[in-house]
Protein backbone atom coordinates (compact mmCIF):
# COMPACT_ATOMS: atom_id res chain seq x y z
CA MET A 1 0.00 0.00 0.00
CA ALA A 2 1.27 3.46 -0.83
CA PRO A 3 1.92 5.96 1.98
CA ASP A 4 -0.81 8.27 0.63
CA GLU A 5 -3.38 5.44 0.76
CA LYS A 6 -2.43 4.65 4.38
CA ARG A 7 -2.90 8.29 5.33
CA ASP A 8 -6.32 8.39 3.61
CA ASP A 9 -7.43 5.22 5.44
CA ILE A 10 -6.35 6.67 8.80
CA GLU A 11 -8.18 9.94 8.12
CA ASN A 12 -11.34 8.09 6.98
CA ALA A 13 -11.28 5.92 10.10
CA ALA A 14 -10.92 8.96 12.31
CA GLN A 15 -13.80 10.74 10.59
CA SER A 16 -16.27 7.80 10.56
CA PRO A 17 -19.11 8.18 13.10
CA ALA A 18 -18.83 4.53 14.26
CA ALA A 19 -15.32 4.90 15.63
CA PRO A 20 -14.96 7.01 18.80
CA ALA A 21 -12.49 9.84 18.60
CA THR A 22 -11.02 9.39 22.08
CA PRO A 23 -10.42 6.59 24.58
CA GLU A 24 -12.81 8.34 27.04
CA GLU A 25 -15.65 8.05 24.51
CA GLU A 26 -14.82 4.36 24.01
CA ILE A 27 -14.90 3.82 27.80
CA ALA A 28 -18.24 5.64 28.06
CA ARG A 29 -19.69 3.54 25.24
CA LEU A 30 -18.49 0.30 26.85
CA GLN A 31 -19.84 1.38 30.25
CA ALA A 32 -23.24 2.09 28.67
CA GLU A 33 -23.23 -1.34 27.01
CA LEU A 34 -22.26 -2.95 30.33
CA ALA A 35 -25.07 -1.10 32.14
CA ALA A 36 -27.56 -2.19 29.47
CA GLU A 37 -26.45 -5.82 29.79
CA ALA A 38 -26.66 -5.64 33.60
CA ASP A 39 -30.19 -4.24 33.32
CA ARG A 40 -31.19 -6.97 30.86
CA ARG A 41 -29.74 -9.61 33.19
CA LEU A 42 -31.67 -8.22 36.18
CA ARG A 43 -34.90 -8.13 34.19
CA THR A 44 -34.38 -11.72 33.09
CA LEU A 45 -33.75 -12.79 36.69
CA ALA A 46 -36.89 -10.95 37.83
CA GLU A 47 -38.96 -12.60 35.09
CA THR A 48 -37.59 -15.99 36.13
CA GLU A 49 -38.49 -15.37 39.78
CA ASN A 50 -41.99 -14.22 38.82
CA LEU A 51 -42.45 -17.33 36.69
CA LYS A 52 -41.35 -19.55 39.60
CA LYS A 53 -43.78 -17.82 41.96
CA ARG A 54 -46.66 -18.09 39.46
CA LEU A 55 -46.00 -21.78 38.82
CA LEU A 56 -45.80 -22.47 42.56
CA LYS A 57 -49.12 -20.67 43.14
CA GLU A 58 -50.76 -22.58 40.28
CA LYS A 59 -49.47 -25.86 41.73
CA GLU A 60 -50.80 -24.98 45.20
CA ASP A 61 -54.19 -23.98 43.76
CA PHE A 62 -54.35 -27.18 41.75
CA GLN A 63 -53.62 -29.28 44.83
CA LYS A 64 -56.02 -27.23 46.93
CA TYR A 65 -58.95 -27.53 44.51
CA ALA A 66 -58.19 -30.83 42.76
CA THR A 67 -61.15 -32.51 44.43
CA GLU A 68 -63.62 -29.79 43.41
CA SER A 69 -65.27 -31.71 40.56
CA LEU A 70 -65.54 -34.93 42.59
CA VAL A 71 -67.06 -33.14 45.57
CA SER A 72 -69.50 -31.29 43.30
CA GLU A 73 -70.70 -34.62 41.93
CA LEU A 74 -71.12 -36.05 45.45
CA LEU A 75 -73.29 -33.20 46.74
CA PRO A 76 -76.50 -34.65 45.25
CA VAL A 77 -75.90 -37.79 47.35
CA LEU A 78 -75.96 -35.58 50.43
CA ASP A 79 -79.15 -33.93 49.15
CA HIS A 80 -80.80 -37.35 48.81
CA LEU A 81 -79.81 -38.25 52.36
CA ASP A 82 -81.38 -34.97 53.55
CA LEU A 83 -84.57 -35.80 51.63
CA ALA A 84 -84.70 -39.27 53.19
CA LEU A 85 -84.34 -37.71 56.64
CA ALA A 86 -87.01 -35.10 55.94
CA HIS A 87 -89.52 -37.70 54.74
CA GLY A 88 -88.75 -40.30 57.39
CA LYS A 89 -88.75 -38.10 60.49
CA GLY A 90 -91.90 -38.33 62.54
CA LEU A 91 -92.83 -41.79 61.25
CA ALA A 92 -92.54 -44.46 63.93
CA ALA A 93 -92.06 -47.21 61.34
CA CYS A 94 -88.98 -45.41 59.94
CA LYS A 95 -87.30 -44.64 63.27
CA ASP A 96 -84.36 -47.05 62.84
CA PHE A 97 -84.04 -46.16 59.17
CA VAL A 98 -83.83 -42.44 60.01
CA VAL A 99 -81.15 -43.11 62.64
CA GLY A 100 -79.07 -45.02 60.06
CA VAL A 101 -79.47 -42.37 57.38
CA ASP A 102 -78.61 -39.64 59.89
CA MET A 103 -75.43 -41.49 60.91
CA THR A 104 -74.50 -41.93 57.25
CA ARG A 105 -75.09 -38.23 56.57
CA LYS A 106 -72.94 -37.19 59.54
CA ALA A 107 -70.11 -39.51 58.49
CA PHE A 108 -70.33 -38.17 54.94
CA LEU A 109 -70.19 -34.55 56.20
CA ASP A 110 -67.20 -35.39 58.45
CA ILE A 111 -65.29 -36.78 55.47
CA LEU A 112 -66.13 -33.72 53.37
CA SER A 113 -65.12 -31.33 56.15
CA ARG A 114 -61.73 -33.05 56.50
CA HIS A 115 -61.19 -32.22 52.84
CA GLY A 116 -62.12 -28.54 53.26
CA VAL A 117 -65.82 -28.64 52.39
CA THR A 118 -68.14 -26.57 54.57
CA GLU A 119 -71.90 -26.45 54.51
CA PHE A 120 -73.80 -23.17 54.82
CA GLY A 121 -77.32 -21.85 54.61
CA ALA A 122 -79.43 -21.38 57.71
CA VAL A 123 -82.73 -19.71 58.48
CA GLY A 124 -82.19 -16.21 59.84
CA GLU A 125 -78.82 -15.49 58.23
CA SER A 126 -78.53 -12.44 56.04
CA PHE A 127 -79.19 -13.02 52.33
CA SER A 128 -76.07 -12.61 50.18
CA PRO A 129 -76.34 -12.80 46.37
CA GLU A 130 -72.72 -14.05 46.24
CA THR A 131 -73.54 -17.21 48.19
CA HIS A 132 -77.34 -17.58 48.03
CA GLU A 133 -79.71 -18.21 45.17
CA ALA A 134 -83.12 -16.68 45.88
CA LEU A 135 -85.94 -18.93 44.72
CA GLY A 136 -88.65 -16.60 45.92
CA MET A 137 -89.91 -14.42 48.72
CA THR A 138 -91.97 -15.18 51.76
CA ALA A 139 -93.21 -13.24 54.78
CA ASN A 140 -92.12 -14.18 58.29
CA PRO A 141 -92.73 -11.44 60.88
CA GLU A 142 -90.19 -13.03 63.23
CA LEU A 143 -87.31 -12.40 60.78
CA PRO A 144 -85.87 -9.15 59.46
CA ASP A 145 -86.20 -8.21 55.79
CA ASP A 146 -83.60 -9.76 53.47
CA ALA A 147 -82.96 -12.64 55.84
CA VAL A 148 -83.13 -16.27 54.80
CA ALA A 149 -86.63 -17.46 55.70
CA GLN A 150 -86.36 -21.02 54.37
CA VAL A 151 -83.47 -23.13 53.09
CA VAL A 152 -84.53 -25.28 50.16
CA GLN A 153 -81.03 -26.65 49.47
CA LYS A 154 -77.83 -26.14 51.48
CA GLY A 155 -74.83 -24.44 49.91
CA PHE A 156 -71.22 -25.62 50.05
CA THR A 157 -67.75 -24.12 49.80
CA LEU A 158 -64.40 -25.82 49.23
CA ARG A 159 -61.66 -23.99 51.15
CA GLY A 160 -63.48 -20.71 50.70
CA ARG A 161 -64.39 -21.24 47.03
CA LEU A 162 -68.11 -21.51 46.31
CA LEU A 163 -69.08 -24.99 45.09
CA ARG A 164 -72.83 -24.50 45.13
CA PRO A 165 -74.96 -21.58 46.31
CA ALA A 166 -77.62 -22.20 48.94
CA LYS A 167 -81.10 -22.12 47.42
CA VAL A 168 -83.30 -20.09 49.74
CA MET A 169 -86.54 -18.21 50.21
CA VAL A 170 -85.93 -14.59 51.24
CA ASN A 171 -87.99 -12.80 53.87
CA LYS A 172 -89.86 -9.67 52.76
CA ALA A 173 -92.43 -7.90 54.97
CA GLY A 174 -94.97 -7.38 52.16
CA ALA A 175 -94.56 -10.81 50.53
CA ALA A 176 -97.26 -13.40 50.79
């Protein structure tokens, strides 16, 4: 290469915008790149931690509510036991039968409660549209307005999550 060509290459390199003019500018550029990489690394670590937390929560929720569909399918069995008790009570011929059905119902409820299922719905409690399904209105002067006057079907929750709302009649002063 001729000496004039070398000089032209050196001048072109010095004038190009991609090449920094001084070592201080090169250091500043490298520090900015390093800071950007450190920021990207921290963001990636944060995303990884958030993913771990989300997966752990999903796993816990799955384990907590894995029995939800099975329990929901078993609730009609409990309803049938309640119907048998309601129809058999007061009949002398069914006394032993009622005792057996009542024992079965209590054992069934004990098993469900050990797995986080709770029963709710009682006469006199305040009506809540989140947990009760109103089937109609009735008048009972002994109860305040918007209280449960009659429970048609009990409601159930699984560890705080609603499985089935309680079907109730709501008390209204003017209802008949």
